[in-house]
Amino acid sequence: MSEELKELLQAARRVSMSPSDSEGQRRSFAYGNTHFENERITRETVDKAAEKLSKTNGQKD
C-alpha cells in the first residue's frame, strides 16, 4: 500500500458524517444498486420509498 493511500485512509477514519450525509449516502447506494438491475428505478423512486419507510418507522417508535 502506498504512503499516499495510507494517509487518505487515516484521513477518512477521522471524518464524521452528519445524519443528513449518512441518509444521502444510503439513498445514493440504494439508487446505484437498484438502477443497475432495473433502469426504471429513479432517484425520485428511491426518495419516495425512503420517505415512506421513514414515516412508517417513526410511527412504530
PDB file of N, CA and C in Angstrom:
ATOM      1  N   MET A   1       0.855  -1.171   0.000  1.00  0.00           N
ATOM      2  CA  MET A   1       0.000   0.000   0.000  1.00  0.00           C
ATOM      3  C   MET A   1       0.903   1.237   0.000  1.00  0.00           C
ATOM      4  N   SER A   2       0.562   2.181  -0.858  1.00  0.00           N
ATOM      5  CA  SER A   2       1.384   3.384  -0.954  1.00  0.00           C
ATOM      6  C   SER A   2       1.163   4.290   0.254  1.00  0.00           C
ATOM      7  N   GLU A   3       2.128   5.150   0.510  1.00  0.00           N
ATOM      8  CA  GLU A   3       2.016   6.102   1.617  1.00  0.00           C
ATOM      9  C   GLU A   3       0.827   7.043   1.406  1.00  0.00           C
ATOM     10  N   GLU A   4       0.620   7.446   0.165  1.00  0.00           N
ATOM     11  CA  GLU A   4      -0.499   8.343  -0.132  1.00  0.00           C
ATOM     12  C   GLU A   4      -1.833   7.676   0.225  1.00  0.00           C
ATOM     13  N   LEU A   5      -1.977   6.411  -0.125  1.00  0.00           N
ATOM     14  CA  LEU A   5      -3.203   5.692   0.201  1.00  0.00           C
ATOM     15  C   LEU A   5      -3.357   5.538   1.713  1.00  0.00           C
ATOM     16  N   LYS A   6      -2.279   5.259   2.414  1.00  0.00           N
ATOM     17  CA  LYS A   6      -2.335   5.146   3.877  1.00  0.00           C
ATOM     18  C   LYS A   6      -2.798   6.455   4.505  1.00  0.00           C
ATOM     19  N   GLU A   7      -2.278   7.582   3.998  1.00  0.00           N
ATOM     20  CA  GLU A   7      -2.673   8.891   4.523  1.00  0.00           C
ATOM     21  C   GLU A   7      -4.151   9.170   4.246  1.00  0.00           C
ATOM     22  N   LEU A   8      -4.621   8.813   3.061  1.00  0.00           N
ATOM     23  CA  LEU A   8      -6.026   9.012   2.728  1.00  0.00           C
ATOM     24  C   LEU A   8      -6.932   8.163   3.616  1.00  0.00           C
ATOM     25  N   LEU A   9      -6.524   6.937   3.890  1.00  0.00           N
ATOM     26  CA  LEU A   9      -7.305   6.070   4.769  1.00  0.00           C
ATOM     27  C   LEU A   9      -7.361   6.629   6.191  1.00  0.00           C
ATOM     28  N   GLN A  10      -6.240   7.142   6.663  1.00  0.00           N
ATOM     29  CA  GLN A  10      -6.205   7.755   8.002  1.00  0.00           C
ATOM     30  C   GLN A  10      -7.145   8.962   8.057  1.00  0.00           C
ATOM     31  N   ALA A  11      -7.118   9.778   7.021  1.00  0.00           N
ATOM     32  CA  ALA A  11      -7.985  10.958   6.974  1.00  0.00           C
ATOM     33  C   ALA A  11      -9.450  10.537   6.949  1.00  0.00           C
ATOM     34  N   ALA A  12      -9.763   9.496   6.208  1.00  0.00           N
ATOM     35  CA  ALA A  12     -11.146   9.013   6.117  1.00  0.00           C
ATOM     36  C   ALA A  12     -11.647   8.512   7.467  1.00  0.00           C
ATOM     37  N   ARG A  13     -10.769   7.954   8.257  1.00  0.00           N
ATOM     38  CA  ARG A  13     -11.160   7.450   9.574  1.00  0.00           C
ATOM     39  C   ARG A  13     -11.583   8.580  10.520  1.00  0.00           C
ATOM     40  N   ARG A  14     -11.094   9.779  10.264  1.00  0.00           N
ATOM     41  CA  ARG A  14     -11.401  10.916  11.132  1.00  0.00           C
ATOM     42  C   ARG A  14     -12.662  11.668  10.707  1.00  0.00           C
ATOM     43  N   VAL A  15     -13.226  11.319   9.576  1.00  0.00           N
ATOM     44  CA  VAL A  15     -14.406  12.015   9.077  1.00  0.00           C
ATOM     45  C   VAL A  15     -15.645  11.552   9.830  1.00  0.00           C
ATOM     46  N   SER A  16     -16.405  12.518  10.287  1.00  0.00           N
ATOM     47  CA  SER A  16     -17.653  12.221  10.980  1.00  0.00           C
ATOM     48  C   SER A  16     -18.800  12.738  10.111  1.00  0.00           C
ATOM     49  N   MET A  17     -19.686  11.840   9.719  1.00  0.00           N
ATOM     50  CA  MET A  17     -20.794  12.222   8.855  1.00  0.00           C
ATOM     51  C   MET A  17     -22.006  12.633   9.691  1.00  0.00           C
ATOM     52  N   SER A  18     -22.700  13.645   9.200  1.00  0.00           N
ATOM     53  CA  SER A  18     -23.948  14.063   9.849  1.00  0.00           C
ATOM     54  C   SER A  18     -25.039  13.052   9.484  1.00  0.00           C
ATOM     55  N   PRO A  19     -26.121  13.031  10.235  1.00  0.00           N
ATOM     56  CA  PRO A  19     -27.234  12.144   9.872  1.00  0.00           C
ATOM     57  C   PRO A  19     -27.747  12.414   8.451  1.00  0.00           C
ATOM     58  N   SER A  20     -27.748  13.675   8.058  1.00  0.00           N
ATOM     59  CA  SER A  20     -28.184  14.037   6.709  1.00  0.00           C
ATOM     60  C   SER A  20     -27.238  13.466   5.652  1.00  0.00           C
ATOM     61  N   ASP A  21     -25.927  13.553   5.913  1.00  0.00           N
ATOM     62  CA  ASP A  21     -24.941  12.988   4.991  1.00  0.00           C
ATOM     63  C   ASP A  21     -25.100  11.474   4.888  1.00  0.00           C
ATOM     64  N   SER A  22     -25.312  10.826   6.020  1.00  0.00           N
ATOM     65  CA  SER A  22     -25.485   9.370   6.035  1.00  0.00           C
ATOM     66  C   SER A  22     -26.718   8.961   5.239  1.00  0.00           C
ATOM     67  N   GLU A  23     -27.801   9.712   5.420  1.00  0.00           N
ATOM     68  CA  GLU A  23     -29.037   9.407   4.689  1.00  0.00           C
ATOM     69  C   GLU A  23     -28.840   9.600   3.191  1.00  0.00           C
ATOM     70  N   GLY A  24     -28.160  10.655   2.809  1.00  0.00           N
ATOM     71  CA  GLY A  24     -27.868  10.887   1.395  1.00  0.00           C
ATOM     72  C   GLY A  24     -27.020   9.784   0.792  1.00  0.00           C
ATOM     73  N   GLN A  25     -26.045   9.333   1.546  1.00  0.00           N
ATOM     74  CA  GLN A  25     -25.187   8.251   1.069  1.00  0.00           C
ATOM     75  C   GLN A  25     -25.978   6.944   0.963  1.00  0.00           C
ATOM     76  N   ARG A  26     -26.857   6.708   1.932  1.00  0.00           N
ATOM     77  CA  ARG A  26     -27.671   5.494   1.921  1.00  0.00           C
ATOM     78  C   ARG A  26     -28.580   5.476   0.697  1.00  0.00           C
ATOM     79  N   ARG A  27     -29.198   6.611   0.412  1.00  0.00           N
ATOM     80  CA  ARG A  27     -30.084   6.695  -0.755  1.00  0.00           C
ATOM     81  C   ARG A  27     -29.313   6.544  -2.060  1.00  0.00           C
ATOM     82  N   SER A  28     -28.146   7.150  -2.119  1.00  0.00           N
ATOM     83  CA  SER A  28     -27.317   7.031  -3.318  1.00  0.00           C
ATOM     84  C   SER A  28     -26.913   5.581  -3.557  1.00  0.00           C
ATOM     85  N   PHE A  29     -26.559   4.881  -2.491  1.00  0.00           N
ATOM     86  CA  PHE A  29     -26.196   3.470  -2.582  1.00  0.00           C
ATOM     87  C   PHE A  29     -27.392   2.650  -3.075  1.00  0.00           C
ATOM     88  N   ALA A  30     -28.560   2.918  -2.499  1.00  0.00           N
ATOM     89  CA  ALA A  30     -29.771   2.193  -2.894  1.00  0.00           C
ATOM     90  C   ALA A  30     -30.083   2.441  -4.364  1.00  0.00           C
ATOM     91  N   TYR A  31     -29.987   3.686  -4.796  1.00  0.00           N
ATOM     92  CA  TYR A  31     -30.248   4.010  -6.193  1.00  0.00           C
ATOM     93  C   TYR A  31     -29.258   3.305  -7.116  1.00  0.00           C
ATOM     94  N   GLY A  32     -27.996   3.405  -6.797  1.00  0.00           N
ATOM     95  CA  GLY A  32     -26.969   2.807  -7.647  1.00  0.00           C
ATOM     96  C   GLY A  32     -27.142   1.312  -7.818  1.00  0.00           C
ATOM     97  N   ASN A  33     -27.493   0.633  -6.741  1.00  0.00           N
ATOM     98  CA  ASN A  33     -27.655  -0.819  -6.810  1.00  0.00           C
ATOM     99  C   ASN A  33     -28.956  -1.239  -7.475  1.00  0.00           C
ATOM    100  N   THR A  34     -30.032  -0.497  -7.257  1.00  0.00           N
ATOM    101  CA  THR A  34     -31.295  -0.890  -7.856  1.00  0.00           C
ATOM    102  C   THR A  34     -31.396  -0.465  -9.314  1.00  0.00           C
ATOM    103  N   HIS A  35     -30.894   0.705  -9.638  1.00  0.00           N
ATOM    104  CA  HIS A  35     -30.945   1.186 -11.018  1.00  0.00           C
ATOM    105  C   HIS A  35     -30.108   0.284 -11.932  1.00  0.00           C
ATOM    106  N   PHE A  36     -29.059  -0.254 -11.400  1.00  0.00           N
ATOM    107  CA  PHE A  36     -28.206  -1.170 -12.154  1.00  0.00           C
ATOM    108  C   PHE A  36     -29.009  -2.383 -12.622  1.00  0.00           C
ATOM    109  N   GLU A  37     -29.908  -2.854 -11.778  1.00  0.00           N
ATOM    110  CA  GLU A  37     -30.727  -4.025 -12.086  1.00  0.00           C
ATOM    111  C   GLU A  37     -32.012  -3.667 -12.835  1.00  0.00           C
ATOM    112  N   ASN A  38     -32.531  -2.451 -12.595  1.00  0.00           N
ATOM    113  CA  ASN A  38     -33.810  -2.059 -13.176  1.00  0.00           C
ATOM    114  C   ASN A  38     -33.734  -0.587 -13.557  1.00  0.00           C
ATOM    115  N   GLU A  39     -33.603  -0.292 -14.823  1.00  0.00           N
ATOM    116  CA  GLU A  39     -33.422   1.083 -15.283  1.00  0.00           C
ATOM    117  C   GLU A  39     -34.636   1.970 -15.040  1.00  0.00           C
ATOM    118  N   ARG A  40     -35.779   1.383 -14.679  1.00  0.00           N
ATOM    119  CA  ARG A  40     -36.970   2.185 -14.387  1.00  0.00           C
ATOM    120  C   ARG A  40     -36.885   2.842 -13.007  1.00  0.00           C
ATOM    121  N   ILE A  41     -35.968   2.386 -12.171  1.00  0.00           N
ATOM    122  CA  ILE A  41     -35.769   2.986 -10.851  1.00  0.00           C
ATOM    123  C   ILE A  41     -35.084   4.335 -11.031  1.00  0.00           C
ATOM    124  N   THR A  42     -35.655   5.350 -10.393  1.00  0.00           N
ATOM    125  CA  THR A  42     -35.070   6.695 -10.464  1.00  0.00           C
ATOM    126  C   THR A  42     -34.694   7.147  -9.055  1.00  0.00           C
ATOM    127  N   ARG A  43     -33.967   8.237  -8.972  1.00  0.00           N
ATOM    128  CA  ARG A  43     -33.642   8.795  -7.653  1.00  0.00           C
ATOM    129  C   ARG A  43     -34.929   9.199  -6.930  1.00  0.00           C
ATOM    130  N   GLU A  44     -35.898   9.680  -7.699  1.00  0.00           N
ATOM    131  CA  GLU A  44     -37.184  10.054  -7.102  1.00  0.00           C
ATOM    132  C   GLU A  44     -37.874   8.820  -6.502  1.00  0.00           C
ATOM    133  N   THR A  45     -37.798   7.697  -7.188  1.00  0.00           N
ATOM    134  CA  THR A  45     -38.377   6.452  -6.672  1.00  0.00           C
ATOM    135  C   THR A  45     -37.750   6.099  -5.328  1.00  0.00           C
ATOM    136  N   VAL A  46     -36.435   6.190  -5.257  1.00  0.00           N
ATOM    137  CA  VAL A  46     -35.714   5.874  -4.025  1.00  0.00           C
ATOM    138  C   VAL A  46     -36.088   6.862  -2.926  1.00  0.00           C
ATOM    139  N   ASP A  47     -36.157   8.150  -3.265  1.00  0.00           N
ATOM    140  CA  ASP A  47     -36.523   9.163  -2.274  1.00  0.00           C
ATOM    141  C   ASP A  47     -37.920   8.916  -1.715  1.00  0.00           C
ATOM    142  N   LYS A  48     -38.868   8.606  -2.592  1.00  0.00           N
ATOM    143  CA  LYS A  48     -40.237   8.341  -2.140  1.00  0.00           C
ATOM    144  C   LYS A  48     -40.286   7.123  -1.220  1.00  0.00           C
ATOM    145  N   ALA A  49     -39.571   6.069  -1.588  1.00  0.00           N
ATOM    146  CA  ALA A  49     -39.548   4.863  -0.759  1.00  0.00           C
ATOM    147  C   ALA A  49     -38.901   5.153   0.594  1.00  0.00           C
ATOM    148  N   ALA A  50     -37.825   5.923   0.599  1.00  0.00           N
ATOM    149  CA  ALA A  50     -37.136   6.253   1.854  1.00  0.00           C
ATOM    150  C   ALA A  50     -38.039   7.088   2.759  1.00  0.00           C
ATOM    151  N   GLU A  51     -38.760   8.034   2.185  1.00  0.00           N
ATOM    152  CA  GLU A  51     -39.673   8.860   2.977  1.00  0.00           C
ATOM    153  C   GLU A  51     -40.795   8.002   3.564  1.00  0.00           C
ATOM    154  N   LYS A  52     -41.316   7.100   2.756  1.00  0.00           N
ATOM    155  CA  LYS A  52     -42.386   6.216   3.230  1.00  0.00           C
ATOM    156  C   LYS A  52     -41.881   5.332   4.374  1.00  0.00           C
ATOM    157  N   LEU A  53     -40.680   4.789   4.224  1.00  0.00           N
ATOM    158  CA  LEU A  53     -40.100   3.969   5.281  1.00  0.00           C
ATOM    159  C   LEU A  53     -39.835   4.771   6.539  1.00  0.00           C
ATOM    160  N   SER A  54     -39.397   5.993   6.355  1.00  0.00           N
ATOM    161  CA  SER A  54     -39.107   6.859   7.499  1.00  0.00           C
ATOM    162  C   SER A  54     -40.380   7.146   8.285  1.00  0.00           C
ATOM    163  N   LYS A  55     -41.466   7.413   7.598  1.00  0.00           N
ATOM    164  CA  LYS A  55     -42.750   7.676   8.264  1.00  0.00           C
ATOM    165  C   LYS A  55     -43.248   6.418   8.958  1.00  0.00           C
ATOM    166  N   THR A  56     -43.111   5.282   8.314  1.00  0.00           N
ATOM    167  CA  THR A  56     -43.556   4.014   8.894  1.00  0.00           C
ATOM    168  C   THR A  56     -42.755   3.702  10.153  1.00  0.00           C
ATOM    169  N   ASN A  57     -41.440   3.867  10.089  1.00  0.00           N
ATOM    170  CA  ASN A  57     -40.602   3.606  11.253  1.00  0.00           C
ATOM    171  C   ASN A  57     -40.857   4.592  12.371  1.00  0.00           C
ATOM    172  N   GLY A  58     -41.153   5.828  12.020  1.00  0.00           N
ATOM    173  CA  GLY A  58     -41.434   6.855  13.022  1.00  0.00           C
ATOM    174  C   GLY A  58     -42.711   6.561  13.779  1.00  0.00           C
ATOM    175  N   GLN A  59     -43.691   5.957  13.129  1.00  0.00           N
ATOM    176  CA  GLN A  59     -44.954   5.661  13.790  1.00  0.00           C
ATOM    177  C   GLN A  59     -44.839   4.484  14.740  1.00  0.00           C
ATOM    178  N   LYS A  60     -43.891   3.592  14.476  1.00  0.00           N
ATOM    179  CA  LYS A  60     -43.725   2.414  15.321  1.00  0.00           C
ATOM    180  C   LYS A  60     -43.027   2.743  16.629  1.00  0.00           C
ATOM    181  N   ASP A  61     -42.196   3.800  16.626  1.00  0.00           N
ATOM    182  CA  ASP A  61     -41.399   4.126  17.825  1.00  0.00           C
ATOM    183  C   ASP A  61     -42.196   4.807  18.891  1.00  0.00           C
TER     184      ASP A  61
END
